[in-house]
């Protein structure tokens, strides 16, 4: 068991999973079919808040009917919350409709099949522009260009999908460490100077290793 949490914190996580198991079918219908979604998510958020108000949860639908929906718990890279994230994964029971993942990990060939296919497509087709780089914090601001063939119900889901695509590309720890801010736009007809989203880890690593000089100013121009 997680030694960094006290018994009360562990009990809170156990209680969360007991509540989840008791309500798993209702949660599934809310996520999959949109049945009573607002009320179900309200109670879900209330119960997760007992564990932590800063831990975020994402429900991701897999395209294959044979695969379970995913629940991903994320601390957005805040290290103080890592013990609770780890405990959420360790204590999670075997669920009928959902698989549980803690931490958003950087996409690699080894975990390629752990995220829905739609995010592979977003990462593959999206472009970015580096708008600013802070040499002291080593953080970048980027514009995220999403292809117009992707449609979302509203602006919030558009933003969350873009944010998840960036976090899947970098992993949540590096997202916290290196992304200062981002803006979402549709892909411009002029693609000169734009990078593939999949290249972002390489360029962040490059920027972190060089000194601020005239070359960097030109690079970000």
Protein backbone atom coordinates (compact mmCIF):
# COMPACT_ATOMS: atom_id res chain seq x y z
CA UNK A 1 0.00 0.00 0.00
CA UNK A 2 1.11 3.58 -0.62
CA UNK A 3 3.20 4.61 2.40
CA UNK A 4 3.07 8.32 1.54
CA UNK A 5 -0.65 8.56 2.33
CA UNK A 6 -2.20 8.37 5.77
CA UNK A 7 -4.98 5.89 6.63
CA UNK A 8 -7.70 8.53 6.21
CA UNK A 9 -6.53 9.34 2.68
CA UNK A 10 -6.38 5.64 1.79
CA UNK A 11 -9.88 5.15 3.19
CA UNK A 12 -11.15 8.04 1.05
CA UNK A 13 -9.80 6.36 -2.09
CA UNK A 14 -11.30 3.01 -1.07
CA UNK A 15 -14.66 4.72 -0.56
CA UNK A 16 -14.41 6.37 -3.97
CA UNK A 17 -13.96 3.02 -5.70
CA UNK A 18 -16.79 1.45 -3.68
CA UNK A 19 -19.07 4.25 -4.85
CA UNK A 20 -17.83 3.83 -8.42
CA UNK A 21 -18.50 0.10 -8.43
CA UNK A 22 -22.00 0.61 -7.02
CA UNK A 23 -22.73 3.12 -9.79
CA UNK A 24 -20.61 1.77 -12.64
CA UNK A 25 -23.51 0.89 -14.93
CA UNK A 26 -25.09 4.34 -14.49
CA UNK A 27 -21.70 5.96 -15.24
CA UNK A 28 -21.33 3.80 -18.34
CA UNK A 29 -24.78 4.75 -19.63
CA UNK A 30 -24.02 8.42 -18.96
CA UNK A 31 -20.72 8.27 -20.86
CA UNK A 32 -21.73 5.92 -23.66
CA UNK A 33 -25.39 6.82 -24.24
CA UNK A 34 -25.66 10.29 -22.77
CA UNK A 35 -28.29 9.08 -20.30
CA UNK A 36 -28.68 11.38 -17.28
CA UNK A 37 -25.13 12.55 -17.93
CA UNK A 38 -25.19 15.88 -16.11
CA UNK A 39 -26.44 14.42 -12.83
CA UNK A 40 -24.15 11.37 -12.95
CA UNK A 41 -21.04 13.44 -13.67
CA UNK A 42 -21.99 15.84 -10.87
CA UNK A 43 -22.00 12.99 -8.34
CA UNK A 44 -18.84 11.51 -9.85
CA UNK A 45 -17.03 14.84 -9.45
CA UNK A 46 -18.26 15.19 -5.87
CA UNK A 47 -16.90 11.77 -4.93
CA UNK A 48 -13.58 12.35 -6.70
CA UNK A 49 -13.28 15.72 -4.91
CA UNK A 50 -13.10 13.83 -1.60
CA UNK A 51 -9.88 12.28 -2.92
CA UNK A 52 -8.59 15.54 -4.44
CA UNK A 53 -10.14 18.57 -6.08
CA UNK A 54 -7.10 18.92 -8.33
CA UNK A 55 -7.07 15.45 -9.86
CA UNK A 56 -8.73 15.43 -13.28
CA UNK A 57 -10.47 12.48 -14.87
CA UNK A 58 -11.09 11.79 -18.55
CA UNK A 59 -13.46 9.21 -20.00
CA UNK A 60 -12.24 8.02 -23.38
CA UNK A 61 -14.33 5.85 -25.67
CA UNK A 62 -12.53 3.15 -27.62
CA UNK A 63 -13.66 2.55 -31.18
CA UNK A 64 -13.77 -1.24 -30.75
CA UNK A 65 -16.89 -2.62 -29.10
CA UNK A 66 -14.78 -5.36 -27.53
CA UNK A 67 -12.62 -2.84 -25.66
CA UNK A 68 -13.61 -1.18 -22.43
CA UNK A 69 -13.94 2.57 -22.11
CA UNK A 70 -10.92 4.17 -20.49
CA UNK A 71 -10.78 6.26 -17.36
CA UNK A 72 -7.58 8.25 -17.12
CA UNK A 73 -6.76 10.08 -13.89
CA UNK A 74 -4.27 12.91 -14.23
CA UNK A 75 -2.57 15.36 -11.89
CA UNK A 76 -1.43 17.50 -14.84
CA UNK A 77 2.12 16.84 -13.70
CA UNK A 78 1.74 18.17 -10.11
CA UNK A 79 4.14 15.95 -8.17
CA UNK A 80 2.44 16.49 -4.79
CA UNK A 81 -0.57 14.58 -6.14
CA UNK A 82 1.43 11.61 -7.45
CA UNK A 83 0.95 9.49 -4.27
CA UNK A 84 -2.83 9.82 -4.61
CA UNK A 85 -2.69 8.99 -8.32
CA UNK A 86 -0.61 5.91 -7.61
CA UNK A 87 -3.03 4.82 -4.89
CA UNK A 88 -6.01 5.33 -7.20
CA UNK A 89 -4.42 2.87 -9.61
CA UNK A 90 -3.34 0.39 -6.94
CA UNK A 91 -6.73 0.29 -5.21
CA UNK A 92 -8.84 0.32 -8.39
CA UNK A 93 -11.01 -2.81 -8.59
CA UNK A 94 -11.60 -4.84 -11.73
CA UNK A 95 -14.43 -3.08 -13.53
CA UNK A 96 -16.96 -4.42 -16.00
CA UNK A 97 -17.17 -1.47 -18.39
CA UNK A 98 -13.99 0.54 -17.79
CA UNK A 99 -10.24 0.15 -17.71
CA UNK A 100 -8.30 2.44 -15.38
CA UNK A 101 -5.10 4.34 -16.13
CA UNK A 102 -3.28 6.77 -13.86
CA UNK A 103 -0.96 9.41 -15.29
CA UNK A 104 -1.01 10.53 -18.92
CA UNK A 105 2.14 8.98 -20.27
CA UNK A 106 4.10 10.03 -23.34
CA UNK A 107 3.03 8.09 -26.41
CA UNK A 108 5.56 5.40 -27.36
CA UNK A 109 5.47 2.27 -29.55
CA UNK A 110 5.06 0.25 -26.34
CA UNK A 111 1.87 2.02 -25.20
CA UNK A 112 0.55 2.97 -28.64
CA UNK A 113 -2.63 0.92 -28.22
CA UNK A 114 -3.47 2.40 -24.83
CA UNK A 115 -5.21 5.47 -26.23
CA UNK A 116 -8.20 5.70 -28.61
CA UNK A 117 -7.43 5.82 -32.32
CA UNK A 118 -8.87 9.32 -32.66
CA UNK A 119 -5.94 10.75 -30.68
CA UNK A 120 -3.44 9.00 -32.90
CA UNK A 121 -5.09 10.76 -35.84
CA UNK A 122 -5.11 14.14 -34.11
CA UNK A 123 -1.43 13.83 -33.17
CA UNK A 124 -0.49 12.69 -36.68
CA UNK A 125 -2.43 15.40 -38.53
CA UNK A 126 -2.06 18.42 -36.24
CA UNK A 127 0.56 21.12 -36.61
CA UNK A 128 2.01 23.59 -34.13
CA UNK A 129 3.81 26.92 -34.13
CA UNK A 130 6.23 27.87 -31.37
CA UNK A 131 5.15 31.36 -30.30
CA UNK A 132 7.44 32.01 -27.36
CA UNK A 133 10.16 30.34 -25.31
CA UNK A 134 11.11 31.45 -21.80
CA UNK A 135 14.77 30.70 -21.30
CA UNK A 136 14.59 30.75 -17.47
CA UNK A 137 11.51 28.57 -17.04
CA UNK A 138 12.20 26.52 -20.20
CA UNK A 139 8.52 26.75 -21.09
CA UNK A 140 6.98 27.36 -24.50
CA UNK A 141 3.79 28.92 -25.75
CA UNK A 142 2.38 27.28 -28.85
CA UNK A 143 -0.44 27.60 -31.33
CA UNK A 144 -2.09 24.24 -31.97
CA UNK A 145 -3.48 23.88 -35.51
CA UNK A 146 -6.20 21.25 -35.73
CA UNK A 147 -7.31 19.86 -39.14
CA UNK A 148 -10.79 20.96 -40.18
CA UNK A 149 -11.88 17.34 -40.71
CA UNK A 150 -12.21 16.96 -36.93
CA UNK A 151 -15.55 18.10 -35.51
CA UNK A 152 -16.38 18.66 -31.85
CA UNK A 153 -19.67 19.33 -30.09
CA UNK A 154 -18.49 22.56 -28.50
CA UNK A 155 -15.45 24.74 -27.80
CA UNK A 156 -14.79 23.03 -24.46
CA UNK A 157 -14.46 19.57 -26.03
CA UNK A 158 -12.27 21.07 -28.75
CA UNK A 159 -9.93 22.56 -26.15
CA UNK A 160 -9.83 19.39 -24.01
CA UNK A 161 -9.12 17.22 -27.07
CA UNK A 162 -6.25 19.50 -28.09
CA UNK A 163 -4.89 19.54 -24.55
CA UNK A 164 -5.03 15.75 -24.30
CA UNK A 165 -3.30 15.40 -27.67
CA UNK A 166 -0.45 17.59 -26.41
CA UNK A 167 -0.26 15.65 -23.13
CA UNK A 168 -0.27 12.30 -24.94
CA UNK A 169 2.56 13.64 -27.11
CA UNK A 170 4.68 14.83 -24.18
CA UNK A 171 3.35 12.99 -21.14
CA UNK A 172 1.74 14.98 -18.34
CA UNK A 173 5.02 15.51 -16.44
CA UNK A 174 6.69 17.20 -19.42
CA UNK A 175 3.45 19.02 -20.24
CA UNK A 176 3.56 20.62 -16.78
CA UNK A 177 7.28 21.25 -17.08
CA UNK A 178 7.44 22.78 -20.55
CA UNK A 179 4.05 24.10 -21.76
CA UNK A 180 3.28 27.62 -20.57
CA UNK A 181 0.14 28.06 -22.65
CA UNK A 182 -1.43 27.12 -25.97
CA UNK A 183 -4.06 28.42 -28.37
CA UNK A 184 -6.18 26.27 -30.67
CA UNK A 185 -6.87 27.20 -34.29
CA UNK A 186 -7.74 25.37 -37.47
CA UNK A 187 -4.91 24.62 -39.86
CA UNK A 188 -3.92 27.62 -41.92
CA UNK A 189 -3.50 27.41 -45.69
CA UNK A 190 0.01 28.72 -45.12
CA UNK A 191 1.93 25.91 -43.45
CA UNK A 192 5.40 27.39 -43.74
CA UNK A 193 7.19 27.36 -40.41
CA UNK A 194 4.75 24.96 -38.79
CA UNK A 195 5.86 21.76 -37.10
CA UNK A 196 4.17 18.43 -36.71
CA UNK A 197 2.78 17.94 -33.19
CA UNK A 198 4.72 14.69 -32.98
CA UNK A 199 7.95 16.71 -33.34
CA UNK A 200 7.22 18.76 -30.21
CA UNK A 201 9.21 16.59 -27.74
CA UNK A 202 12.29 16.80 -29.95
CA UNK A 203 12.10 20.59 -30.29
CA UNK A 204 11.49 21.14 -26.58
CA UNK A 205 14.55 19.03 -25.85
CA UNK A 206 16.52 21.07 -28.38
CA UNK A 207 15.42 24.41 -26.90
CA UNK A 208 16.23 23.29 -23.38
CA UNK A 209 19.83 22.59 -24.36
CA UNK A 210 20.74 25.78 -26.20
CA UNK A 211 21.53 29.23 -24.87
CA UNK A 212 19.40 32.25 -25.64
CA UNK A 213 21.00 33.98 -28.58
CA UNK A 214 20.26 35.49 -31.97
CA UNK A 215 19.73 32.05 -33.50
CA UNK A 216 16.95 31.30 -31.04
CA UNK A 217 15.25 34.62 -31.81
CA UNK A 218 15.29 33.76 -35.49
CA UNK A 219 14.06 30.24 -34.79
CA UNK A 220 11.00 31.56 -32.94
CA UNK A 221 10.30 34.39 -35.35
